[in-house]
Amino acid sequence: MIEIENLFKYYGDRRAVGPLSATIDKGEIVGLLGLNGAGKTTTLRVLACDLLPTSGSVRVGGVDVVERPDEVRARIGYLPDVPPLYGEMRVREYLEFVARLRGVPRVDVDRRVSEVIEITEIGDERDNVISALSHGFRQRVGIAQAIVHRPELVVLDEPISGLDPVQIVEMRSLVRSLGGEHTVVVSSHILNEIHETCDRIFVIRDGEIVASGTEAELSNQMLEGMQLDVTLRIPESASSPYRTADDVLEAATALVSSLEGVREVETRQSPEAGPRVVALRLHAGGDVRDVLCKRVVEAGFSLLELSRAERELESVFLRLAESDPGAPAARRKKRKARAARAEKTS
């Protein structure tokens, strides 16, 4: 669906993106994850034909963005970081206007607008003036205008920016629902949103893709394995050899440690109450979840929880985003300089 080959984009002498190469399949939801200034928005603007590349090639559905930009634009729906809305128009009126601009046949405009209003769940707001909408609903209208013409590719730049927690969950569900019918590229610097929403992750640093893959693949690459949180309960019975809390902990640790590929096991605070409940975090060289579940059942233990460690993706992202050893020190130096200037002026 999307083929990017050796893309560069310069602003004057400053390199914003490049070298950047990637392939995205039809129907995928791909996330661009990076710190502010990493090149995410510039990459999206090139994909959306809002900017032309300095060099390299970008093809959407086999069509080059430089040679035939108008044809590419017809295949794309774009939501920039600031939704392109006309505040004085009513929601339905605006979407009908966009549909006509996007070349939707006149006889299909009403039906298509009704469809995107339902998809984005803005039916209660369709007769309201856009300027009177909340930020969350304006974001939804922004997505509605991006998909009203049924584009092959939907490009979303920070779609959850400024949303409250409830709106974030709703937006996450909406973005996920676009996959399959549309290929979706979404940018964010918020780890959980990329993790929860996307099929694959591209980590961008200094205008380059420094890693790509699923969360599990990135974790395996950077952490050389997987971190798992496990909570076990050892049933109490008259024949049980585990009499004390120490016996229970020792038995659970021995069971988990015996699995092939497990390098380290540590105790953690249990999310479940009970004297015979043990919570562990294990570090493994690969995915041991299947064999772990099997061994737990065979041992007669109850498996109360098995999940990826919460901060695993964050560890991966920080290592990728700040892989330059001098970067954190340079940032600390800048922060100290700003603090010193602020102190002098106060």
C-alpha atoms as a PDB file:
ATOM      1  CA  MET A   1       0.000   0.000   0.000  1.00  0.00           C
ATOM      2  CA  ILE A   2       2.712   2.516   1.041  1.00  0.00           C
ATOM      3  CA  GLU A   3       6.294   2.327  -0.116  1.00  0.00           C
ATOM      4  CA  ILE A   4       8.831   4.832   1.224  1.00  0.00           C
ATOM      5  CA  GLU A   5      12.343   4.578  -0.133  1.00  0.00           C
ATOM      6  CA  ASN A   6      15.288   6.663   1.054  1.00  0.00           C
ATOM      7  CA  LEU A   7      13.091   9.672   1.853  1.00  0.00           C
ATOM      8  CA  PHE A   8      14.771  12.961   2.806  1.00  0.00           C
ATOM      9  CA  LYS A   9      13.142  16.268   3.677  1.00  0.00           C
ATOM     10  CA  TYR A  10      15.191  19.407   4.347  1.00  0.00           C
ATOM     11  CA  TYR A  11      14.094  22.832   5.561  1.00  0.00           C
ATOM     12  CA  GLY A  12      16.911  24.926   4.189  1.00  0.00           C
ATOM     13  CA  ASP A  13      20.087  23.318   5.505  1.00  0.00           C
ATOM     14  CA  ARG A  14      18.298  21.497   8.328  1.00  0.00           C
ATOM     15  CA  ARG A  15      17.488  17.843   7.804  1.00  0.00           C
ATOM     16  CA  ALA A  16      14.039  17.115   9.227  1.00  0.00           C
ATOM     17  CA  VAL A  17      13.618  13.581   7.880  1.00  0.00           C
ATOM     18  CA  GLY A  18      15.903  11.021   6.337  1.00  0.00           C
ATOM     19  CA  PRO A  19      17.115   8.621   5.378  1.00  0.00           C
ATOM     20  CA  LEU A  20      13.749   6.934   5.895  1.00  0.00           C
ATOM     21  CA  SER A  21      12.478   3.759   4.244  1.00  0.00           C
ATOM     22  CA  ALA A  22       9.411   1.691   5.131  1.00  0.00           C
ATOM     23  CA  THR A  23       6.632  -0.448   3.697  1.00  0.00           C
ATOM     24  CA  ILE A  24       3.090  -0.500   5.075  1.00  0.00           C
ATOM     25  CA  ASP A  25       0.561  -3.122   4.029  1.00  0.00           C
ATOM     26  CA  LYS A  26      -3.046  -2.488   3.088  1.00  0.00           C
ATOM     27  CA  GLY A  27      -5.370  -2.401   6.090  1.00  0.00           C
ATOM     28  CA  GLU A  28      -2.595  -2.013   8.665  1.00  0.00           C
ATOM     29  CA  ILE A  29      -2.656   0.492  11.505  1.00  0.00           C
ATOM     30  CA  VAL A  30       0.900   1.747  11.930  1.00  0.00           C
ATOM     31  CA  GLY A  31       2.070   4.121  14.626  1.00  0.00           C
ATOM     32  CA  LEU A  32       4.893   6.635  14.351  1.00  0.00           C
ATOM     33  CA  LEU A  33       6.322   6.947  17.839  1.00  0.00           C
ATOM     34  CA  GLY A  34       8.949   9.502  18.732  1.00  0.00           C
ATOM     35  CA  LEU A  35       9.887  12.433  20.905  1.00  0.00           C
ATOM     36  CA  ASN A  36       8.813  15.941  19.934  1.00  0.00           C
ATOM     37  CA  GLY A  37      10.912  17.104  16.993  1.00  0.00           C
ATOM     38  CA  ALA A  38      11.775  13.569  15.860  1.00  0.00           C
ATOM     39  CA  GLY A  39      10.247  14.073  12.389  1.00  0.00           C
ATOM     40  CA  LYS A  40       6.819  12.475  12.804  1.00  0.00           C
ATOM     41  CA  THR A  41       4.712  15.379  11.545  1.00  0.00           C
ATOM     42  CA  THR A  42       6.994  16.074   8.580  1.00  0.00           C
ATOM     43  CA  THR A  43       6.778  12.418   7.560  1.00  0.00           C
ATOM     44  CA  LEU A  44       2.981  12.513   7.757  1.00  0.00           C
ATOM     45  CA  ARG A  45       2.816  15.737   5.739  1.00  0.00           C
ATOM     46  CA  VAL A  46       4.881  14.139   2.971  1.00  0.00           C
ATOM     47  CA  LEU A  47       2.569  11.110   2.983  1.00  0.00           C
ATOM     48  CA  ALA A  48      -0.447  13.417   2.761  1.00  0.00           C
ATOM     49  CA  CYS A  49       1.106  15.403  -0.129  1.00  0.00           C
ATOM     50  CA  ASP A  50       1.098  18.488   2.060  1.00  0.00           C
ATOM     51  CA  LEU A  51       4.884  18.662   1.573  1.00  0.00           C
ATOM     52  CA  LEU A  52       7.056  17.413  -1.257  1.00  0.00           C
ATOM     53  CA  PRO A  53      10.113  15.335  -0.365  1.00  0.00           C
ATOM     54  CA  THR A  54      13.554  16.795  -0.996  1.00  0.00           C
ATOM     55  CA  SER A  55      14.679  13.444  -2.377  1.00  0.00           C
ATOM     56  CA  GLY A  56      13.698   9.794  -2.360  1.00  0.00           C
ATOM     57  CA  SER A  57      10.359   8.317  -3.352  1.00  0.00           C
ATOM     58  CA  VAL A  58       6.990   7.804  -1.692  1.00  0.00           C
ATOM     59  CA  ARG A  59       4.264   5.749  -3.357  1.00  0.00           C
ATOM     60  CA  VAL A  60       0.697   5.300  -2.171  1.00  0.00           C
ATOM     61  CA  GLY A  61      -1.063   2.445  -3.932  1.00  0.00           C
ATOM     62  CA  GLY A  62       1.715   2.462  -6.499  1.00  0.00           C
ATOM     63  CA  VAL A  63       1.269   6.172  -7.301  1.00  0.00           C
ATOM     64  CA  ASP A  64       4.232   8.502  -6.744  1.00  0.00           C
ATOM     65  CA  VAL A  65       3.497  11.554  -4.563  1.00  0.00           C
ATOM     66  CA  VAL A  66       5.748  13.791  -6.681  1.00  0.00           C
ATOM     67  CA  GLU A  67       4.723  12.654 -10.147  1.00  0.00           C
ATOM     68  CA  ARG A  68       0.948  12.532  -9.511  1.00  0.00           C
ATOM     69  CA  PRO A  69       0.191  14.342  -6.252  1.00  0.00           C
ATOM     70  CA  ASP A  70      -3.449  15.113  -7.090  1.00  0.00           C
ATOM     71  CA  GLU A  71      -4.169  11.433  -7.655  1.00  0.00           C
ATOM     72  CA  VAL A  72      -2.515  10.552  -4.351  1.00  0.00           C
ATOM     73  CA  ARG A  73      -4.468  13.239  -2.485  1.00  0.00           C
ATOM     74  CA  ALA A  74      -7.704  11.720  -3.776  1.00  0.00           C
ATOM     75  CA  ARG A  75      -6.728   8.463  -2.054  1.00  0.00           C
ATOM     76  CA  ILE A  76      -5.833  10.055   1.291  1.00  0.00           C
ATOM     77  CA  GLY A  77      -7.730  11.339   4.286  1.00  0.00           C
ATOM     78  CA  TYR A  78      -5.698  13.652   6.491  1.00  0.00           C
ATOM     79  CA  LEU A  79      -6.212  14.930  10.022  1.00  0.00           C
ATOM     80  CA  PRO A  80      -3.384  17.350  10.922  1.00  0.00           C
ATOM     81  CA  ASP A  81      -2.614  18.254  14.518  1.00  0.00           C
ATOM     82  CA  VAL A  82      -5.085  21.158  14.198  1.00  0.00           C
ATOM     83  CA  PRO A  83      -8.306  19.877  12.546  1.00  0.00           C
ATOM     84  CA  PRO A  84      -9.154  21.825   9.341  1.00  0.00           C
ATOM     85  CA  LEU A  85     -12.628  22.905  10.450  1.00  0.00           C
ATOM     86  CA  TYR A  86     -14.820  25.913   9.647  1.00  0.00           C
ATOM     87  CA  GLY A  87     -16.121  27.004  13.031  1.00  0.00           C
ATOM     88  CA  GLU A  88     -19.107  28.930  11.674  1.00  0.00           C
ATOM     89  CA  MET A  89     -20.539  25.911   9.835  1.00  0.00           C
ATOM     90  CA  ARG A  90     -22.765  23.235  11.313  1.00  0.00           C
ATOM     91  CA  VAL A  91     -21.334  19.720  11.522  1.00  0.00           C
ATOM     92  CA  ARG A  92     -23.464  18.084   8.835  1.00  0.00           C
ATOM     93  CA  GLU A  93     -23.237  21.113   6.572  1.00  0.00           C
ATOM     94  CA  TYR A  94     -19.441  21.057   6.856  1.00  0.00           C
ATOM     95  CA  LEU A  95     -19.173  17.327   6.131  1.00  0.00           C
ATOM     96  CA  GLU A  96     -21.409  17.681   3.065  1.00  0.00           C
ATOM     97  CA  PHE A  97     -19.162  20.508   1.870  1.00  0.00           C
ATOM     98  CA  VAL A  98     -16.020  18.387   2.356  1.00  0.00           C
ATOM     99  CA  ALA A  99     -17.634  15.405   0.608  1.00  0.00           C
ATOM    100  CA  ARG A 100     -18.346  17.522  -2.462  1.00  0.00           C
ATOM    101  CA  LEU A 101     -14.797  18.916  -2.404  1.00  0.00           C
ATOM    102  CA  ARG A 102     -13.487  15.357  -2.208  1.00  0.00           C
ATOM    103  CA  GLY A 103     -15.383  14.318  -5.305  1.00  0.00           C
ATOM    104  CA  VAL A 104     -18.104  12.205  -3.714  1.00  0.00           C
ATOM    105  CA  PRO A 105     -20.910  11.947  -6.331  1.00  0.00           C
ATOM    106  CA  ARG A 106     -23.777  14.281  -5.497  1.00  0.00           C
ATOM    107  CA  VAL A 107     -26.263  11.409  -5.235  1.00  0.00           C
ATOM    108  CA  ASP A 108     -24.025   9.718  -2.629  1.00  0.00           C
ATOM    109  CA  VAL A 109     -23.190  12.732  -0.459  1.00  0.00           C
ATOM    110  CA  ASP A 110     -26.132  12.444   1.947  1.00  0.00           C
ATOM    111  CA  ARG A 111     -25.654   8.712   2.475  1.00  0.00           C
ATOM    112  CA  ARG A 112     -21.897   8.956   2.923  1.00  0.00           C
ATOM    113  CA  VAL A 113     -22.136  11.844   5.394  1.00  0.00           C
ATOM    114  CA  SER A 114     -24.695   9.874   7.419  1.00  0.00           C
ATOM    115  CA  GLU A 115     -22.316   6.911   7.467  1.00  0.00           C
ATOM    116  CA  VAL A 116     -19.333   8.862   8.819  1.00  0.00           C
ATOM    117  CA  ILE A 117     -21.522  10.613  11.394  1.00  0.00           C
ATOM    118  CA  GLU A 118     -22.501   7.165  12.666  1.00  0.00           C
ATOM    119  CA  ILE A 119     -18.921   5.811  12.544  1.00  0.00           C
ATOM    120  CA  THR A 120     -17.537   8.744  14.531  1.00  0.00           C
ATOM    121  CA  GLU A 121     -20.566   8.869  16.865  1.00  0.00           C
ATOM    122  CA  ILE A 122     -21.311  12.568  16.411  1.00  0.00           C
ATOM    123  CA  GLY A 123     -25.009  12.181  15.624  1.00  0.00           C
ATOM    124  CA  ASP A 124     -26.122  14.274  18.599  1.00  0.00           C
ATOM    125  CA  GLU A 125     -23.903  17.132  17.389  1.00  0.00           C
ATOM    126  CA  ARG A 126     -24.697  17.071  13.659  1.00  0.00           C
ATOM    127  CA  ASP A 127     -26.857  20.211  13.728  1.00  0.00           C
ATOM    128  CA  ASN A 128     -24.585  22.159  16.067  1.00  0.00           C
ATOM    129  CA  VAL A 129     -22.139  24.873  15.056  1.00  0.00           C
ATOM    130  CA  ILE A 130     -18.579  23.502  15.037  1.00  0.00           C
ATOM    131  CA  SER A 131     -17.166  26.351  17.132  1.00  0.00           C
ATOM    132  CA  ALA A 132     -19.538  25.344  19.958  1.00  0.00           C
ATOM    133  CA  LEU A 133     -18.270  21.763  20.099  1.00  0.00           C
ATOM    134  CA  SER A 134     -15.928  20.405  22.742  1.00  0.00           C
ATOM    135  CA  HIS A 135     -12.348  19.621  21.729  1.00  0.00           C
ATOM    136  CA  GLY A 136     -13.134  15.905  21.686  1.00  0.00           C
ATOM    137  CA  PHE A 137     -16.028  16.313  19.277  1.00  0.00           C
ATOM    138  CA  ARG A 138     -13.983  18.605  17.049  1.00  0.00           C
ATOM    139  CA  GLN A 139     -11.407  15.816  16.815  1.00  0.00           C
ATOM    140  CA  ARG A 140     -14.171  13.408  15.831  1.00  0.00           C
ATOM    141  CA  VAL A 141     -15.423  15.793  13.155  1.00  0.00           C
ATOM    142  CA  GLY A 142     -11.810  16.019  11.973  1.00  0.00           C
ATOM    143  CA  ILE A 143     -11.690  12.257  11.512  1.00  0.00           C
ATOM    144  CA  ALA A 144     -15.109  12.290   9.838  1.00  0.00           C
ATOM    145  CA  GLN A 145     -13.887  14.757   7.216  1.00  0.00           C
ATOM    146  CA  ALA A 146     -10.790  12.590   6.678  1.00  0.00           C
ATOM    147  CA  ILE A 147     -12.799   9.455   5.831  1.00  0.00           C
ATOM    148  CA  VAL A 148     -15.914  10.902   4.181  1.00  0.00           C
ATOM    149  CA  HIS A 149     -14.625  10.019   0.685  1.00  0.00           C
ATOM    150  CA  ARG A 150     -13.567   6.459   1.672  1.00  0.00           C
ATOM    151  CA  PRO A 151      -9.812   6.997   1.242  1.00  0.00           C
ATOM    152  CA  GLU A 152      -7.393   4.101   0.999  1.00  0.00           C
ATOM    153  CA  LEU A 153      -5.001   5.790   3.436  1.00  0.00           C
ATOM    154  CA  VAL A 154      -5.921   7.746   6.584  1.00  0.00           C
ATOM    155  CA  VAL A 155      -3.187   9.903   8.130  1.00  0.00           C
ATOM    156  CA  LEU A 156      -3.754  11.084  11.713  1.00  0.00           C
ATOM    157  CA  ASP A 157      -1.352  13.451  13.460  1.00  0.00           C
ATOM    158  CA  GLU A 158      -1.668  13.247  17.272  1.00  0.00           C
ATOM    159  CA  PRO A 159      -5.434  12.545  17.228  1.00  0.00           C
ATOM    160  CA  ILE A 160      -5.692  12.279  21.039  1.00  0.00           C
ATOM    161  CA  SER A 161      -3.891  15.540  21.777  1.00  0.00           C
ATOM    162  CA  GLY A 162      -5.761  17.497  24.434  1.00  0.00           C
ATOM    163  CA  LEU A 163      -8.419  14.858  25.096  1.00  0.00           C
ATOM    164  CA  ASP A 164      -9.549  13.839  28.565  1.00  0.00           C
ATOM    165  CA  PRO A 165      -9.216  10.198  29.730  1.00  0.00           C
ATOM    166  CA  VAL A 166     -12.727   9.188  28.642  1.00  0.00           C
ATOM    167  CA  GLN A 167     -12.292  10.824  25.242  1.00  0.00           C
ATOM    168  CA  ILE A 168      -8.912   9.092  24.822  1.00  0.00           C
ATOM    169  CA  VAL A 169     -10.497   5.667  25.288  1.00  0.00           C
ATOM    170  CA  GLU A 170     -13.248   6.551  22.818  1.00  0.00           C
ATOM    171  CA  MET A 171     -10.762   7.922  20.269  1.00  0.00           C
ATOM    172  CA  ARG A 172      -8.604   4.832  20.639  1.00  0.00           C
ATOM    173  CA  SER A 173     -11.603   2.640  19.808  1.00  0.00           C
ATOM    174  CA  LEU A 174     -12.493   4.845  16.844  1.00  0.00           C
ATOM    175  CA  VAL A 175      -8.989   4.692  15.368  1.00  0.00           C
ATOM    176  CA  ARG A 176      -8.866   0.913  15.786  1.00  0.00           C
ATOM    177  CA  SER A 177     -12.191   0.595  13.962  1.00  0.00           C
ATOM    178  CA  LEU A 178     -10.692   2.265  10.876  1.00  0.00           C
ATOM    179  CA  GLY A 179      -8.230  -0.570  10.289  1.00  0.00           C
ATOM    180  CA  GLY A 180      -9.020  -3.114   7.603  1.00  0.00           C
ATOM    181  CA  GLU A 181     -11.128  -0.887   5.346  1.00  0.00           C
ATOM    182  CA  HIS A 182      -8.462   1.824   5.540  1.00  0.00           C
ATOM    183  CA  THR A 183      -4.717   1.775   5.954  1.00  0.00           C
ATOM    184  CA  VAL A 184      -4.015   4.062   8.916  1.00  0.00           C
ATOM    185  CA  VAL A 185      -0.828   5.886   9.885  1.00  0.00           C
ATOM    186  CA  VAL A 186      -1.057   7.638  13.238  1.00  0.00           C
ATOM    187  CA  SER A 187       1.614   9.615  15.081  1.00  0.00           C
ATOM    188  CA  SER A 188       1.997  10.093  18.804  1.00  0.00           C
ATOM    189  CA  HIS A 189       4.575  10.619  21.525  1.00  0.00           C
ATOM    190  CA  ILE A 190       2.289   8.869  24.027  1.00  0.00           C
ATOM    191  CA  LEU A 191       3.366   5.269  24.483  1.00  0.00           C
ATOM    192  CA  ASN A 192       0.103   3.734  25.640  1.00  0.00           C
ATOM    193  CA  GLU A 193      -1.868   5.077  22.700  1.00  0.00           C
ATOM    194  CA  ILE A 194       0.465   3.640  20.095  1.00  0.00           C
ATOM    195  CA  HIS A 195       0.607   0.357  22.000  1.00  0.00           C
ATOM    196  CA  GLU A 196      -3.176   0.109  22.388  1.00  0.00           C
ATOM    197  CA  THR A 197      -4.083   1.249  18.887  1.00  0.00           C
ATOM    198  CA  CYS A 198      -1.534   0.047  16.335  1.00  0.00           C
ATOM    199  CA  ASP A 199      -0.588  -3.236  14.676  1.00  0.00           C
ATOM    200  CA  ARG A 200       3.015  -2.133  14.206  1.00  0.00           C
ATOM    201  CA  ILE A 201       5.209   0.605  15.637  1.00  0.00           C
ATOM    202  CA  PHE A 202       7.843   2.690  13.857  1.00  0.00           C
ATOM    203  CA  VAL A 203      10.133   4.418  16.341  1.00  0.00           C
ATOM    204  CA  ILE A 204      11.531   7.641  14.839  1.00  0.00           C
ATOM    205  CA  ARG A 205      14.596   9.469  16.108  1.00  0.00           C
ATOM    206  CA  ASP A 206      16.241  12.415  14.355  1.00  0.00           C
ATOM    207  CA  GLY A 207      14.200  11.802  11.197  1.00  0.00           C
ATOM    208  CA  GLU A 208      15.068   8.117  10.887  1.00  0.00           C
ATOM    209  CA  ILE A 209      13.203   4.916  11.708  1.00  0.00           C
ATOM    210  CA  VAL A 210      15.484   3.319  14.277  1.00  0.00           C
ATOM    211  CA  ALA A 211      13.257   0.293  14.961  1.00  0.00           C
ATOM    212  CA  SER A 212       9.994  -1.199  13.745  1.00  0.00           C
ATOM    213  CA  GLY A 213       7.762  -4.089  14.696  1.00  0.00           C
ATOM    214  CA  THR A 214       5.144  -5.104  17.210  1.00  0.00           C
ATOM    215  CA  GLU A 215       5.609  -4.327  20.882  1.00  0.00           C
ATOM    216  CA  ALA A 216       6.767  -7.909  21.484  1.00  0.00           C
ATOM    217  CA  GLU A 217       9.286  -7.726  18.641  1.00  0.00           C
ATOM    218  CA  LEU A 218      10.717  -4.421  19.864  1.00  0.00           C
ATOM    219  CA  SER A 219      10.935  -5.761  23.391  1.00  0.00           C
ATOM    220  CA  ASN A 220      12.766  -8.846  22.200  1.00  0.00           C
ATOM    221  CA  GLN A 221      15.184  -6.714  20.190  1.00  0.00           C
ATOM    222  CA  MET A 222      15.958  -4.132  22.857  1.00  0.00           C
ATOM    223  CA  LEU A 223      15.424  -5.963  26.116  1.00  0.00           C
ATOM    224  CA  GLU A 224      16.714  -9.248  24.723  1.00  0.00           C
ATOM    225  CA  GLY A 225      13.583 -11.013  25.849  1.00  0.00           C
ATOM    226  CA  MET A 226      10.342 -10.425  27.682  1.00  0.00           C
ATOM    227  CA  GLN A 227       9.255  -9.244  31.118  1.00  0.00           C
ATOM    228  CA  LEU A 228       6.165 -10.915  32.548  1.00  0.00           C
ATOM    229  CA  ASP A 229       4.134 -10.295  35.685  1.00  0.00           C
ATOM    230  CA  VAL A 230       2.737 -13.508  37.179  1.00  0.00           C
ATOM    231  CA  THR A 231       0.405 -13.996  40.138  1.00  0.00           C
ATOM    232  CA  LEU A 232      -0.083 -17.540  41.452  1.00  0.00           C
ATOM    233  CA  ARG A 233      -2.170 -19.064  44.195  1.00  0.00           C
ATOM    234  CA  ILE A 234      -1.220 -22.372  45.740  1.00  0.00           C
ATOM    235  CA  PRO A 235      -4.388 -24.167  46.934  1.00  0.00           C
ATOM    236  CA  GLU A 236      -4.529 -25.182  50.557  1.00  0.00           C
ATOM    237  CA  SER A 237      -5.067 -28.850  51.306  1.00  0.00           C
ATOM    238  CA  ALA A 238      -4.279 -31.348  54.052  1.00  0.00           C
ATOM    239  CA  SER A 239      -1.651 -33.023  51.887  1.00  0.00           C
ATOM    240  CA  SER A 240       0.014 -29.793  50.762  1.00  0.00           C
ATOM    241  CA  PRO A 241       3.711 -29.598  51.661  1.00  0.00           C
ATOM    242  CA  TYR A 242       3.536 -25.780  51.666  1.00  0.00           C
ATOM    243  CA  ARG A 243       2.773 -24.766  55.242  1.00  0.00           C
ATOM    244  CA  THR A 244       4.148 -21.234  55.498  1.00  0.00           C
ATOM    245  CA  ALA A 245       4.269 -18.138  53.321  1.00  0.00           C
ATOM    246  CA  ASP A 246       7.958 -18.784  52.757  1.00  0.00           C
ATOM    247  CA  ASP A 247       7.159 -22.309  51.540  1.00  0.00           C
ATOM    248  CA  VAL A 248       4.626 -20.897  49.073  1.00  0.00           C
ATOM    249  CA  LEU A 249       7.049 -18.265  47.777  1.00  0.00           C
ATOM    250  CA  GLU A 250       9.864 -20.786  47.441  1.00  0.00           C
ATOM    251  CA  ALA A 251       7.658 -23.235  45.533  1.00  0.00           C
ATOM    252  CA  ALA A 252       6.338 -20.596  43.123  1.00  0.00           C
ATOM    253  CA  THR A 253       9.802 -19.159  42.487  1.00  0.00           C
ATOM    254  CA  ALA A 254      11.257 -22.615  41.872  1.00  0.00           C
ATOM    255  CA  LEU A 255       8.510 -23.443  39.397  1.00  0.00           C
ATOM    256  CA  VAL A 256       8.965 -20.268  37.368  1.00  0.00           C
ATOM    257  CA  SER A 257      12.766 -20.377  37.545  1.00  0.00           C
ATOM    258  CA  SER A 258      12.816 -23.900  36.155  1.00  0.00           C
ATOM    259  CA  LEU A 259      11.337 -22.821  32.815  1.00  0.00           C
ATOM    260  CA  GLU A 260      13.775 -22.820  29.938  1.00  0.00           C
ATOM    261  CA  GLY A 261      14.679 -19.272  28.925  1.00  0.00           C
ATOM    262  CA  VAL A 262      13.868 -17.650  32.284  1.00  0.00           C
ATOM    263  CA  ARG A 263      16.928 -15.684  33.369  1.00  0.00           C
ATOM    264  CA  GLU A 264      15.758 -13.941  36.522  1.00  0.00           C
ATOM    265  CA  VAL A 265      12.774 -14.015  38.893  1.00  0.00           C
ATOM    266  CA  GLU A 266      11.933 -11.315  41.419  1.00  0.00           C
ATOM    267  CA  THR A 267       9.071 -10.855  43.843  1.00  0.00           C
ATOM    268  CA  ARG A 268       6.664  -7.936  43.563  1.00  0.00           C
ATOM    269  CA  GLN A 269       3.688  -6.607  45.487  1.00  0.00           C
ATOM    270  CA  SER A 270       0.722  -8.864  44.932  1.00  0.00           C
ATOM    271  CA  PRO A 271      -2.401  -7.381  43.313  1.00  0.00           C
ATOM    272  CA  GLU A 272      -4.427 -10.161  45.004  1.00  0.00           C
ATOM    273  CA  ALA A 273      -4.963 -10.677  48.729  1.00  0.00           C
ATOM    274  CA  GLY A 274      -4.356 -13.980  50.441  1.00  0.00           C
ATOM    275  CA  PRO A 275      -1.648 -15.799  52.425  1.00  0.00           C
ATOM    276  CA  ARG A 276      -1.003 -18.356  49.665  1.00  0.00           C
ATOM    277  CA  VAL A 277      -0.781 -15.844  46.802  1.00  0.00           C
ATOM    278  CA  VAL A 278       2.572 -14.983  45.247  1.00  0.00           C
ATOM    279  CA  ALA A 279       3.339 -12.258  42.698  1.00  0.00           C
ATOM    280  CA  LEU A 280       6.495 -12.507  40.608  1.00  0.00           C
ATOM    281  CA  ARG A 281       8.159 -10.683  37.733  1.00  0.00           C
ATOM    282  CA  LEU A 282      10.226 -12.849  35.459  1.00  0.00           C
ATOM    283  CA  HIS A 283      12.763 -11.877  32.814  1.00  0.00           C
ATOM    284  CA  ALA A 284      12.945 -14.377  29.962  1.00  0.00           C
ATOM    285  CA  GLY A 285      14.929 -14.682  26.771  1.00  0.00           C
ATOM    286  CA  GLY A 286      11.755 -15.221  24.766  1.00  0.00           C
ATOM    287  CA  ASP A 287       8.009 -15.779  25.020  1.00  0.00           C
ATOM    288  CA  VAL A 288       7.465 -18.409  27.719  1.00  0.00           C
ATOM    289  CA  ARG A 289       3.775 -17.772  28.350  1.00  0.00           C
ATOM    290  CA  ASP A 290       2.474 -20.987  26.793  1.00  0.00           C
ATOM    291  CA  VAL A 291       4.805 -23.286  28.694  1.00  0.00           C
ATOM    292  CA  LEU A 292       4.346 -21.284  31.894  1.00  0.00           C
ATOM    293  CA  CYS A 293       0.569 -21.763  31.814  1.00  0.00           C
ATOM    294  CA  LYS A 294       1.010 -25.485  31.182  1.00  0.00           C
ATOM    295  CA  ARG A 295       3.471 -25.963  34.031  1.00  0.00           C
ATOM    296  CA  VAL A 296       1.332 -23.978  36.479  1.00  0.00           C
ATOM    297  CA  VAL A 297      -1.677 -26.194  35.794  1.00  0.00           C
ATOM    298  CA  GLU A 298       0.406 -29.383  36.006  1.00  0.00           C
ATOM    299  CA  ALA A 299       1.746 -28.289  39.399  1.00  0.00           C
ATOM    300  CA  GLY A 300      -1.783 -27.777  40.720  1.00  0.00           C
ATOM    301  CA  PHE A 301      -1.376 -24.023  41.146  1.00  0.00           C
ATOM    302  CA  SER A 302      -3.972 -21.407  40.173  1.00  0.00           C
ATOM    303  CA  LEU A 303      -2.906 -18.751  37.654  1.00  0.00           C
ATOM    304  CA  LEU A 304      -4.511 -15.467  38.714  1.00  0.00           C
ATOM    305  CA  GLU A 305      -2.583 -13.136  36.402  1.00  0.00           C
ATOM    306  CA  LEU A 306      -0.192 -13.332  33.475  1.00  0.00           C
ATOM    307  CA  SER A 307       0.649 -10.105  31.644  1.00  0.00           C
ATOM    308  CA  ARG A 308       3.459  -8.165  30.041  1.00  0.00           C
ATOM    309  CA  ALA A 309       5.198  -5.877  32.502  1.00  0.00           C
ATOM    310  CA  GLU A 310       3.545  -2.449  32.429  1.00  0.00           C
ATOM    311  CA  ARG A 311       6.688  -0.406  31.800  1.00  0.00           C
ATOM    312  CA  GLU A 312       8.263  -2.739  29.272  1.00  0.00           C
ATOM    313  CA  LEU A 313       7.359  -0.677  26.204  1.00  0.00           C
ATOM    314  CA  GLU A 314       8.471   2.494  27.972  1.00  0.00           C
ATOM    315  CA  SER A 315      11.890   0.947  28.584  1.00  0.00           C
ATOM    316  CA  VAL A 316      12.169   0.028  24.922  1.00  0.00           C
ATOM    317  CA  PHE A 317      11.086   3.468  23.757  1.00  0.00           C
ATOM    318  CA  LEU A 318      13.493   5.314  26.020  1.00  0.00           C
ATOM    319  CA  ARG A 319      16.398   3.166  24.900  1.00  0.00           C
ATOM    320  CA  LEU A 320      15.532   3.771  21.259  1.00  0.00           C
ATOM    321  CA  ALA A 321      14.691   7.459  21.545  1.00  0.00           C
ATOM    322  CA  GLU A 322      17.778   8.257  23.620  1.00  0.00           C
ATOM    323  CA  SER A 323      20.248   5.735  22.243  1.00  0.00           C
ATOM    324  CA  ASP A 324      22.825   8.514  21.805  1.00  0.00           C
ATOM    325  CA  PRO A 325      24.759   8.316  25.109  1.00  0.00           C
ATOM    326  CA  GLY A 326      25.349  12.056  25.068  1.00  0.00           C
ATOM    327  CA  ALA A 327      21.697  12.959  24.563  1.00  0.00           C
ATOM    328  CA  PRO A 328      20.488  12.705  28.190  1.00  0.00           C
ATOM    329  CA  ALA A 329      23.568  14.588  29.438  1.00  0.00           C
ATOM    330  CA  ALA A 330      23.053  17.297  26.833  1.00  0.00           C
ATOM    331  CA  ARG A 331      19.417  17.678  27.878  1.00  0.00           C
ATOM    332  CA  ARG A 332      20.401  17.897  31.538  1.00  0.00           C
ATOM    333  CA  LYS A 333      22.939  20.590  30.664  1.00  0.00           C
ATOM    334  CA  LYS A 334      20.279  22.595  28.813  1.00  0.00           C
ATOM    335  CA  ARG A 335      17.842  22.246  31.699  1.00  0.00           C
ATOM    336  CA  LYS A 336      20.479  23.514  34.165  1.00  0.00           C
ATOM    337  CA  ALA A 337      21.239  26.460  31.900  1.00  0.00           C
ATOM    338  CA  ARG A 338      17.535  27.367  31.677  1.00  0.00           C
ATOM    339  CA  ALA A 339      17.193  27.076  35.442  1.00  0.00           C
ATOM    340  CA  ALA A 340      20.214  29.329  35.974  1.00  0.00           C
ATOM    341  CA  ARG A 341      18.799  31.971  33.620  1.00  0.00           C
ATOM    342  CA  ALA A 342      15.413  31.813  35.356  1.00  0.00           C
ATOM    343  CA  GLU A 343      17.097  32.247  38.752  1.00  0.00           C
ATOM    344  CA  LYS A 344      18.962  35.347  37.553  1.00  0.00           C
ATOM    345  CA  THR A 345      15.797  36.975  36.254  1.00  0.00           C
ATOM    346  CA  SER A 346      13.766  36.207  39.380  1.00  0.00           C
END
